[in-house]
Amino acid sequence: MTRLSDRKTRLIIETADVVRERGKSREVIIEPSPYIAVIRLKGRRQRLEVSWAGIYMFAARVAADKARAEKKAARKAGKR
């Protein structure tokens, strides 16, 4: 497997996810680099930079929230 830091050419990933902005549906584009990921919408110049650690922490928080909501729903269903 090739490491991202070993690549000589820029990698651009066009995802299947779509975001509606300013009346148009636009695909999400990701440009990964060894330290950050640049996220933008196709056809837009605005770019958002996020660290890989930040992405991991966000995903961990979402997973914890989901597990907490499932436990709460199970407790609520058990009381009935």
C-alpha atoms as a PDB file:
ATOM      1  CA  MET A   1       0.000   0.000   0.000  1.00  0.00           C
ATOM      2  CA  THR A   2       1.336   3.432  -0.937  1.00  0.00           C
ATOM      3  CA  ARG A   3       1.496   6.051   1.784  1.00  0.00           C
ATOM      4  CA  LEU A   4      -0.106   9.396   1.083  1.00  0.00           C
ATOM      5  CA  SER A   5       3.166  11.137   1.938  1.00  0.00           C
ATOM      6  CA  ASP A   6       4.989   9.100  -0.762  1.00  0.00           C
ATOM      7  CA  ARG A   7       2.717  10.241  -3.623  1.00  0.00           C
ATOM      8  CA  LYS A   8       4.200  12.595  -6.184  1.00  0.00           C
ATOM      9  CA  THR A   9       0.895  13.595  -7.792  1.00  0.00           C
ATOM     10  CA  ARG A  10      -2.006  15.350  -6.115  1.00  0.00           C
ATOM     11  CA  LEU A  11      -4.945  13.124  -5.223  1.00  0.00           C
ATOM     12  CA  ILE A  12      -8.471  14.480  -5.700  1.00  0.00           C
ATOM     13  CA  ILE A  13     -11.472  12.419  -4.581  1.00  0.00           C
ATOM     14  CA  GLU A  14     -14.955  13.260  -5.804  1.00  0.00           C
ATOM     15  CA  THR A  15     -17.387  11.664  -3.367  1.00  0.00           C
ATOM     16  CA  ALA A  16     -20.902  10.446  -4.045  1.00  0.00           C
ATOM     17  CA  ASP A  17     -22.218  12.729  -1.289  1.00  0.00           C
ATOM     18  CA  VAL A  18     -24.111  15.836  -2.429  1.00  0.00           C
ATOM     19  CA  VAL A  19     -24.670  19.101  -0.561  1.00  0.00           C
ATOM     20  CA  ARG A  20     -27.240  21.685  -1.606  1.00  0.00           C
ATOM     21  CA  GLU A  21     -25.739  25.184  -1.607  1.00  0.00           C
ATOM     22  CA  ARG A  22     -27.057  28.360  -3.207  1.00  0.00           C
ATOM     23  CA  GLY A  23     -29.824  26.481  -4.993  1.00  0.00           C
ATOM     24  CA  LYS A  24     -27.561  23.853  -6.575  1.00  0.00           C
ATOM     25  CA  SER A  25     -26.638  20.328  -5.620  1.00  0.00           C
ATOM     26  CA  ARG A  26     -22.857  20.050  -5.515  1.00  0.00           C
ATOM     27  CA  GLU A  27     -20.592  17.049  -5.029  1.00  0.00           C
ATOM     28  CA  VAL A  28     -18.150  17.052  -2.127  1.00  0.00           C
ATOM     29  CA  ILE A  29     -14.487  17.040  -3.211  1.00  0.00           C
ATOM     30  CA  ILE A  30     -11.676  15.933  -0.892  1.00  0.00           C
ATOM     31  CA  GLU A  31      -8.010  16.735  -1.518  1.00  0.00           C
ATOM     32  CA  PRO A  32      -5.981  14.746   1.031  1.00  0.00           C
ATOM     33  CA  SER A  33      -2.416  15.581   1.978  1.00  0.00           C
ATOM     34  CA  PRO A  34      -0.209  13.982   4.641  1.00  0.00           C
ATOM     35  CA  TYR A  35      -1.210  16.434   7.404  1.00  0.00           C
ATOM     36  CA  ILE A  36      -4.581  17.899   6.434  1.00  0.00           C
ATOM     37  CA  ALA A  37      -7.570  17.286   4.205  1.00  0.00           C
ATOM     38  CA  VAL A  38      -9.014  20.079   2.083  1.00  0.00           C
ATOM     39  CA  ILE A  39     -12.765  19.757   1.627  1.00  0.00           C
ATOM     40  CA  ARG A  40     -14.680  21.791  -0.922  1.00  0.00           C
ATOM     41  CA  LEU A  41     -17.772  21.651  -3.086  1.00  0.00           C
ATOM     42  CA  LYS A  42     -17.449  21.070  -6.807  1.00  0.00           C
ATOM     43  CA  GLY A  43     -17.652  24.372  -8.662  1.00  0.00           C
ATOM     44  CA  ARG A  44     -16.932  26.490  -5.564  1.00  0.00           C
ATOM     45  CA  ARG A  45     -13.670  28.147  -4.539  1.00  0.00           C
ATOM     46  CA  GLN A  46     -14.300  28.061  -0.783  1.00  0.00           C
ATOM     47  CA  ARG A  47     -12.004  25.487   0.801  1.00  0.00           C
ATOM     48  CA  LEU A  48     -12.123  24.098   4.321  1.00  0.00           C
ATOM     49  CA  GLU A  49      -8.965  22.649   5.845  1.00  0.00           C
ATOM     50  CA  VAL A  50      -9.223  20.057   8.586  1.00  0.00           C
ATOM     51  CA  SER A  51      -6.563  17.927  10.256  1.00  0.00           C
ATOM     52  CA  TRP A  52      -6.798  14.148  10.208  1.00  0.00           C
ATOM     53  CA  ALA A  53      -6.843  14.186  14.025  1.00  0.00           C
ATOM     54  CA  GLY A  54      -9.797  16.578  13.879  1.00  0.00           C
ATOM     55  CA  ILE A  55     -11.676  14.225  11.564  1.00  0.00           C
ATOM     56  CA  TYR A  56     -10.969  11.316  13.916  1.00  0.00           C
ATOM     57  CA  MET A  57     -12.128  13.261  16.989  1.00  0.00           C
ATOM     58  CA  PHE A  58     -15.333  14.314  15.224  1.00  0.00           C
ATOM     59  CA  ALA A  59     -16.054  10.724  14.157  1.00  0.00           C
ATOM     60  CA  ALA A  60     -15.408   9.478  17.709  1.00  0.00           C
ATOM     61  CA  ARG A  61     -17.818  12.083  19.102  1.00  0.00           C
ATOM     62  CA  VAL A  62     -20.511  11.099  16.572  1.00  0.00           C
ATOM     63  CA  ALA A  63     -20.076   7.408  17.456  1.00  0.00           C
ATOM     64  CA  ALA A  64     -20.319   8.156  21.192  1.00  0.00           C
ATOM     65  CA  ASP A  65     -23.456  10.257  20.669  1.00  0.00           C
ATOM     66  CA  LYS A  66     -25.011   7.479  18.602  1.00  0.00           C
ATOM     67  CA  ALA A  67     -24.230   4.850  21.265  1.00  0.00           C
ATOM     68  CA  ARG A  68     -25.639   7.133  23.983  1.00  0.00           C
ATOM     69  CA  ALA A  69     -28.855   7.663  21.993  1.00  0.00           C
ATOM     70  CA  GLU A  70     -29.239   3.901  21.417  1.00  0.00           C
ATOM     71  CA  LYS A  71     -28.819   3.191  25.154  1.00  0.00           C
ATOM     72  CA  LYS A  72     -31.366   5.887  25.988  1.00  0.00           C
ATOM     73  CA  ALA A  73     -33.853   4.447  23.479  1.00  0.00           C
ATOM     74  CA  ALA A  74     -33.329   0.942  24.915  1.00  0.00           C
ATOM     75  CA  ARG A  75     -33.948   2.193  28.467  1.00  0.00           C
ATOM     76  CA  LYS A  76     -37.060   4.041  27.309  1.00  0.00           C
ATOM     77  CA  ALA A  77     -38.370   0.931  25.515  1.00  0.00           C
ATOM     78  CA  GLY A  78     -37.701  -1.184  28.625  1.00  0.00           C
ATOM     79  CA  LYS A  79     -39.818   1.077  30.861  1.00  0.00           C
ATOM     80  CA  ARG A  80     -42.930   0.561  28.763  1.00  0.00           C
END
